[in-house]
């Protein structure tokens, strides 16, 4: 969890009322949560060995060097972009500053906060989880490619989505987790990717 998610876990959804009623206390809580997150990441790095000169995230993505992840900004779905800027962004910036790279789990329902989150230095690996009644991750990336240009994005996709967005995928850096109905559809999706999206 990023600091704002830890604060949400501690306060529950009362946190979003605290933004209005007790902003100074929220900032003090976020200072504590930032220190707690840093402690936990340091503990993980001491317990989990490096792999091939890098770090394997909990989301099956390898990152080079001294990297951190995966983090989450789930609470950003429940607040405005302005509230995220006030209560989230600066604390996540501080948390990931000591690392070469960081991996962040995001939800498509919180796309309004993506410009603020994706501009955080060292946040180079992103996972977009699809949400009901919200655009799907691949569609978001294809609609706003400049926002994701410098990122490696893990996406949850279907074979049909891969077909529909081949032009975008040819120039993007992505990790695709594809949902299929049966092994035959899975093999066909793999062949499509190998044929149309060669690894660069």
Protein backbone atom coordinates (compact mmCIF):
# COMPACT_ATOMS: atom_id res chain seq x y z
CA UNK A 1 0.00 0.00 0.00
CA UNK A 2 1.03 3.57 -0.62
CA UNK A 3 0.62 5.89 2.40
CA UNK A 4 -2.89 7.05 1.48
CA UNK A 5 -4.08 3.43 1.24
CA UNK A 6 -2.64 2.67 4.69
CA UNK A 7 -4.43 5.72 6.10
CA UNK A 8 -7.66 4.49 4.49
CA UNK A 9 -7.13 1.04 6.03
CA UNK A 10 -6.64 2.62 9.46
CA UNK A 11 -9.48 5.16 9.34
CA UNK A 12 -11.88 3.42 6.98
CA UNK A 13 -13.98 5.65 4.78
CA UNK A 14 -14.15 8.24 7.56
CA UNK A 15 -10.81 9.32 6.11
CA UNK A 16 -12.63 11.06 3.26
CA UNK A 17 -14.64 13.13 5.77
CA UNK A 18 -11.43 13.84 7.67
CA UNK A 19 -10.09 15.55 4.53
CA UNK A 20 -12.68 18.27 5.20
CA UNK A 21 -12.97 18.19 9.00
CA UNK A 22 -9.41 17.43 10.17
CA UNK A 23 -6.91 18.06 7.36
CA UNK A 24 -3.95 18.74 9.66
CA UNK A 25 -4.54 15.50 11.53
CA UNK A 26 -4.76 13.65 8.21
CA UNK A 27 -1.35 15.01 7.23
CA UNK A 28 0.10 13.85 10.57
CA UNK A 29 -1.41 10.41 9.99
CA UNK A 30 0.07 10.33 6.48
CA UNK A 31 3.52 11.18 7.86
CA UNK A 32 3.24 8.13 10.12
CA UNK A 33 1.92 5.96 7.24
CA UNK A 34 4.84 7.02 5.03
CA UNK A 35 7.34 5.95 7.69
CA UNK A 36 5.44 2.68 8.18
CA UNK A 37 5.45 1.94 4.43
CA UNK A 38 9.17 2.69 4.20
CA UNK A 39 9.86 0.36 7.14
CA UNK A 40 7.85 -2.43 5.50
CA UNK A 41 9.55 -2.03 2.11
CA UNK A 42 12.96 -2.10 3.82
CA UNK A 43 11.94 -5.25 5.70
CA UNK A 44 10.82 -6.90 2.45
CA UNK A 45 14.11 -6.08 0.75
CA UNK A 46 16.05 -7.68 3.60
CA UNK A 47 13.92 -10.85 3.53
CA UNK A 48 13.39 -11.33 -0.23
CA UNK A 49 16.61 -11.89 -2.19
CA UNK A 50 17.45 -10.03 -5.37
CA UNK A 51 16.76 -11.93 -8.59
CA UNK A 52 19.09 -11.52 -11.59
CA UNK A 53 20.18 -8.12 -10.35
CA UNK A 54 16.66 -6.87 -9.77
CA UNK A 55 13.40 -7.31 -7.89
CA UNK A 56 10.44 -9.58 -8.68
CA UNK A 57 7.24 -7.77 -7.73
CA UNK A 58 4.22 -9.43 -6.18
CA UNK A 59 2.50 -8.94 -9.56
CA UNK A 60 4.84 -11.22 -11.54
CA UNK A 61 6.82 -8.36 -13.08
CA UNK A 62 10.61 -8.16 -12.77
CA UNK A 63 12.17 -4.73 -12.21
CA UNK A 64 15.88 -3.92 -12.52
CA UNK A 65 18.10 -2.70 -9.71
CA UNK A 66 16.88 -1.53 -6.32
CA UNK A 67 13.14 -1.45 -7.01
CA UNK A 68 9.96 -1.45 -4.92
CA UNK A 69 6.56 -2.92 -5.48
CA UNK A 70 3.94 -3.55 -5.75
CA UNK A 71 2.33 -0.51 -4.17
CA UNK A 72 -1.32 0.50 -4.50
CA UNK A 73 -3.25 3.76 -4.72
CA UNK A 74 -6.73 2.26 -4.35
CA UNK A 75 -7.92 5.19 -2.21
CA UNK A 76 -7.34 7.50 -5.18
CA UNK A 77 -10.52 6.01 -6.69
CA UNK A 78 -12.55 7.48 -3.81
CA UNK A 79 -11.32 11.07 -3.92
CA UNK A 80 -10.97 13.92 -6.37
CA UNK A 81 -7.77 14.65 -8.24
CA UNK A 82 -7.31 17.77 -6.09
CA UNK A 83 -7.67 15.72 -2.89
CA UNK A 84 -5.19 13.17 -4.17
CA UNK A 85 -2.72 15.98 -4.89
CA UNK A 86 -3.17 17.31 -1.37
CA UNK A 87 -3.25 14.07 0.60
CA UNK A 88 -1.63 11.41 -1.55
CA UNK A 89 0.94 12.40 -4.11
CA UNK A 90 3.66 14.02 -1.98
CA UNK A 91 3.76 11.07 0.41
CA UNK A 92 4.09 8.53 -2.39
CA UNK A 93 6.82 10.68 -3.98
CA UNK A 94 8.79 10.49 -0.72
CA UNK A 95 8.17 6.76 -0.34
CA UNK A 96 9.55 5.79 -3.75
CA UNK A 97 12.38 8.36 -3.88
CA UNK A 98 15.10 5.96 -2.56
CA UNK A 99 14.39 3.36 -5.27
CA UNK A 100 15.48 2.98 -8.89
CA UNK A 101 11.96 2.00 -9.98
CA UNK A 102 8.58 1.37 -8.38
CA UNK A 103 5.52 -0.67 -9.36
CA UNK A 104 2.05 0.82 -8.75
CA UNK A 105 -1.33 -0.94 -8.86
CA UNK A 106 -4.13 1.38 -10.02
CA UNK A 107 -7.83 1.06 -10.83
CA UNK A 108 -9.40 2.36 -14.02
CA UNK A 109 -12.24 3.90 -12.00
CA UNK A 110 -9.69 6.38 -10.64
CA UNK A 111 -8.45 7.59 -14.02
CA UNK A 112 -9.01 11.23 -13.03
CA UNK A 113 -5.98 10.94 -10.72
CA UNK A 114 -3.70 9.24 -13.27
CA UNK A 115 -1.93 12.42 -14.46
CA UNK A 116 -0.87 13.14 -10.86
CA UNK A 117 0.11 9.56 -10.07
CA UNK A 118 1.88 8.81 -13.34
CA UNK A 119 4.03 11.93 -13.01
CA UNK A 120 5.62 10.60 -9.80
CA UNK A 121 9.36 10.11 -10.44
CA UNK A 122 10.57 6.48 -10.49
CA UNK A 123 7.03 5.14 -10.88
CA UNK A 124 7.93 3.26 -14.06
CA UNK A 125 5.79 0.10 -13.78
CA UNK A 126 2.00 0.35 -13.64
CA UNK A 127 -0.77 -2.22 -13.28
CA UNK A 128 -4.25 -1.17 -14.41
CA UNK A 129 -7.05 -3.20 -12.85
CA UNK A 130 -10.34 -3.08 -14.76
CA UNK A 131 -13.42 -1.86 -12.88
CA UNK A 132 -17.16 -2.13 -13.59
CA UNK A 133 -18.72 0.92 -15.25
CA UNK A 134 -15.29 2.32 -16.10
CA UNK A 135 -13.15 2.22 -19.26
CA UNK A 136 -10.91 -0.82 -19.51
CA UNK A 137 -7.19 -0.37 -19.00
CA UNK A 138 -6.12 -1.04 -22.57
CA UNK A 139 -8.74 1.38 -23.92
CA UNK A 140 -7.51 4.06 -21.50
CA UNK A 141 -3.92 3.59 -22.61
CA UNK A 142 -4.84 3.67 -26.29
CA UNK A 143 -6.93 6.83 -25.81
CA UNK A 144 -4.17 8.68 -23.91
CA UNK A 145 -0.88 7.18 -25.10
CA UNK A 146 1.20 10.20 -24.06
CA UNK A 147 0.19 9.66 -20.43
CA UNK A 148 1.73 6.17 -20.45
CA UNK A 149 4.66 6.73 -22.85
CA UNK A 150 7.46 6.25 -20.34
CA UNK A 151 5.72 3.46 -18.41
CA UNK A 152 5.66 -0.31 -18.64
CA UNK A 153 1.99 -1.13 -18.14
CA UNK A 154 0.56 -4.45 -17.01
CA UNK A 155 -2.91 -4.88 -18.50
CA UNK A 156 -5.69 -7.43 -18.07
CA UNK A 157 -7.06 -8.06 -21.55
CA UNK A 158 -9.15 -10.34 -23.74
CA UNK A 159 -8.08 -11.66 -27.17
CA UNK A 160 -10.63 -9.34 -28.78
CA UNK A 161 -9.05 -6.32 -27.06
CA UNK A 162 -5.61 -7.32 -28.31
CA UNK A 163 -6.98 -7.51 -31.90
CA UNK A 164 -8.72 -4.14 -31.54
CA UNK A 165 -5.67 -2.30 -30.16
CA UNK A 166 -2.80 -3.80 -32.15
CA UNK A 167 -1.67 -0.40 -33.43
CA UNK A 168 -1.31 0.92 -29.90
CA UNK A 169 0.32 -2.26 -28.59
CA UNK A 170 2.94 -2.22 -31.35
CA UNK A 171 4.41 1.00 -29.98
CA UNK A 172 3.68 0.54 -26.26
CA UNK A 173 5.59 -1.26 -23.51
CA UNK A 174 3.10 -3.66 -21.96
CA UNK A 175 2.75 -6.90 -20.04
CA UNK A 176 -0.50 -8.61 -21.09
CA UNK A 177 -2.48 -10.93 -18.82
CA UNK A 178 -5.09 -12.41 -21.15
CA UNK A 179 -8.35 -14.04 -20.07
CA UNK A 180 -9.45 -16.86 -22.37
CA UNK A 181 -12.31 -19.36 -22.53
CA UNK A 182 -10.21 -22.46 -23.20
CA UNK A 183 -6.66 -23.61 -24.08
CA UNK A 184 -7.28 -23.25 -27.83
CA UNK A 185 -8.20 -19.58 -27.43
CA UNK A 186 -5.13 -19.12 -25.23
CA UNK A 187 -2.80 -20.63 -27.82
CA UNK A 188 -4.38 -18.44 -30.52
CA UNK A 189 -3.81 -15.33 -28.39
CA UNK A 190 -0.17 -16.29 -27.84
CA UNK A 191 0.34 -16.81 -31.57
CA UNK A 192 -1.29 -13.45 -32.31
CA UNK A 193 1.03 -11.66 -29.90
CA UNK A 194 4.13 -13.47 -31.21
CA UNK A 195 3.17 -12.66 -34.79
CA UNK A 196 1.99 -9.07 -34.39
CA UNK A 197 3.85 -7.83 -31.31
CA UNK A 198 7.42 -9.13 -31.40
CA UNK A 199 9.48 -8.45 -28.29
CA UNK A 200 11.75 -5.48 -28.80
